[in-house]
C-alpha atoms as a PDB file:
ATOM      1  CA  MET A   1     100.981 111.603 103.261  1.00  0.00           C
ATOM      2  CA  PRO A   2     101.402 108.019 103.128  1.00  0.00           C
ATOM      3  CA  ALA A   3     102.326 105.529 100.466  1.00  0.00           C
ATOM      4  CA  PRO A   4      99.347 104.114  98.281  1.00  0.00           C
ATOM      5  CA  SER A   5      98.204 100.791  99.427  1.00  0.00           C
ATOM      6  CA  LYS A   6      97.935  99.796  96.034  1.00  0.00           C
ATOM      7  CA  VAL A   7     101.015  99.776  93.310  1.00  0.00           C
ATOM      8  CA  PHE A   8     100.616 100.775  90.164  1.00  0.00           C
ATOM      9  CA  THR A   9     100.750  97.920  87.524  1.00  0.00           C
ATOM     10  CA  THR A  10     101.401  99.480  84.123  1.00  0.00           C
ATOM     11  CA  ILE A  11      99.084  97.358  82.083  1.00  0.00           C
ATOM     12  CA  PRO A  12     100.512  96.223  78.390  1.00  0.00           C
ATOM     13  CA  ASP A  13      98.809  96.476  74.966  1.00  0.00           C
ATOM     14  CA  GLY A  14      99.106  92.804  74.661  1.00  0.00           C
ATOM     15  CA  ASP A  15      96.547  92.659  77.954  1.00  0.00           C
ATOM     16  CA  ILE A  16      94.154  94.836  76.264  1.00  0.00           C
ATOM     17  CA  ASP A  17      94.362  93.863  72.813  1.00  0.00           C
ATOM     18  CA  PRO A  18      90.868  93.091  70.744  1.00  0.00           C
ATOM     19  CA  GLU A  19      92.072  88.828  70.725  1.00  0.00           C
ATOM     20  CA  SER A  20      92.657  88.769  74.820  1.00  0.00           C
ATOM     21  CA  PRO A  21      90.561  87.549  77.448  1.00  0.00           C
ATOM     22  CA  ILE A  22      89.920  89.450  80.428  1.00  0.00           C
ATOM     23  CA  THR A  23      91.331  87.763  83.319  1.00  0.00           C
ATOM     24  CA  THR A  24      91.614  88.305  86.901  1.00  0.00           C
ATOM     25  CA  GLY A  25      94.807  89.700  86.830  1.00  0.00           C
ATOM     26  CA  LEU A  26      93.612  92.341  84.642  1.00  0.00           C
ATOM     27  CA  MET A  27      90.654  93.070  86.046  1.00  0.00           C
ATOM     28  CA  THR A  28      93.008  93.411  89.825  1.00  0.00           C
ATOM     29  CA  ALA A  29      95.261  95.922  88.044  1.00  0.00           C
ATOM     30  CA  PHE A  30      92.210  98.596  86.750  1.00  0.00           C
ATOM     31  CA  ARG A  31      91.406  98.390  90.702  1.00  0.00           C
ATOM     32  CA  ASP A  32      94.657  98.345  92.448  1.00  0.00           C
ATOM     33  CA  ASN A  33      95.518 101.379  89.823  1.00  0.00           C
ATOM     34  CA  ASP A  34      92.178 103.312  90.560  1.00  0.00           C
ATOM     35  CA  GLN A  35      92.757 102.369  94.253  1.00  0.00           C
ATOM     36  CA  ASN A  36      96.203 103.641  93.638  1.00  0.00           C
ATOM     37  CA  LEU A  37      95.922 107.185  91.717  1.00  0.00           C
ATOM     38  CA  LYS A  38      93.052 108.092  93.817  1.00  0.00           C
ATOM     39  CA  GLU A  39      95.121 107.900  97.133  1.00  0.00           C
ATOM     40  CA  TRP A  40      98.270 109.676  95.758  1.00  0.00           C
ATOM     41  CA  VAL A  41      95.644 112.450  94.660  1.00  0.00           C
ATOM     42  CA  GLY A  42      94.009 113.182  96.875  1.00  0.00           C
ATOM     43  CA  GLY A  43      90.559 110.873  99.062  1.00  0.00           C
ATOM     44  CA  SER A  44      88.510 113.422  97.070  1.00  0.00           C
ATOM     45  CA  PHE A  45      90.092 113.175  93.212  1.00  0.00           C
ATOM     46  CA  ILE A  46      89.979 117.361  93.809  1.00  0.00           C
ATOM     47  CA  ALA A  47      93.347 117.898  94.365  1.00  0.00           C
ATOM     48  CA  ALA A  48      92.382 121.086  96.468  1.00  0.00           C
ATOM     49  CA  VAL A  49      91.070 118.797  98.891  1.00  0.00           C
ATOM     50  CA  ASP A  50      93.853 118.172  99.772  1.00  0.00           C
ATOM     51  CA  HIS A  51      96.263 121.061  98.384  1.00  0.00           C
ATOM     52  CA  ASN A  52      95.729 123.864 100.591  1.00  0.00           C
ATOM     53  CA  HIS A  53      98.437 126.694  99.467  1.00  0.00           C
ATOM     54  CA  ASP A  54      99.625 127.348 102.847  1.00  0.00           C
ATOM     55  CA  GLY A  55     103.115 127.407 101.576  1.00  0.00           C
ATOM     56  CA  LEU A  56     103.949 124.027 103.034  1.00  0.00           C
ATOM     57  CA  ASN A  57     102.601 122.098 100.368  1.00  0.00           C
ATOM     58  CA  SER A  58     103.024 123.899  97.612  1.00  0.00           C
ATOM     59  CA  VAL A  59     105.694 126.250  96.156  1.00  0.00           C
ATOM     60  CA  LEU A  60     106.814 128.468  93.750  1.00  0.00           C
ATOM     61  CA  LEU A  61     108.413 126.226  90.835  1.00  0.00           C
ATOM     62  CA  SER A  62     112.143 127.726  89.440  1.00  0.00           C
ATOM     63  CA  GLY A  63     111.298 129.558  86.142  1.00  0.00           C
ATOM     64  CA  ASN A  64     107.697 130.218  86.826  1.00  0.00           C
ATOM     65  CA  VAL A  65     107.347 133.965  86.020  1.00  0.00           C
ATOM     66  CA  ALA A  66     103.663 134.176  86.281  1.00  0.00           C
ATOM     67  CA  GLY A  67     103.606 132.833  89.867  1.00  0.00           C
ATOM     68  CA  ALA A  68     106.655 134.829  90.363  1.00  0.00           C
ATOM     69  CA  LEU A  69     104.846 138.209  89.395  1.00  0.00           C
ATOM     70  CA  PHE A  70     101.954 137.443  91.924  1.00  0.00           C
ATOM     71  CA  MET A  71     104.395 136.078  94.893  1.00  0.00           C
ATOM     72  CA  HIS A  72     105.508 139.902  94.449  1.00  0.00           C
ATOM     73  CA  LYS A  73     102.640 142.313  93.324  1.00  0.00           C
ATOM     74  CA  ASN A  74     101.929 144.755  96.072  1.00  0.00           C
ATOM     75  CA  TYR A  75      98.379 144.996  96.487  1.00  0.00           C
ATOM     76  CA  ASN A  76      97.815 147.988  98.594  1.00  0.00           C
END
């Protein structure tokens, strides 16, 4: 997966308080953050589209008892 084309910017509370003006920098940060998240999560905004549980891009987390039960259950 390539790195997102836009950097995620933390917007300080002081930039969005009622007395602060709406600036080009603030609006650019909003736009770039949306683009960053879209590319990081997946082009569809739905993780299932970009994560197919094929065993290569998903792993069993250690300590995941529920996942371990399904992993070893015999369905015969």
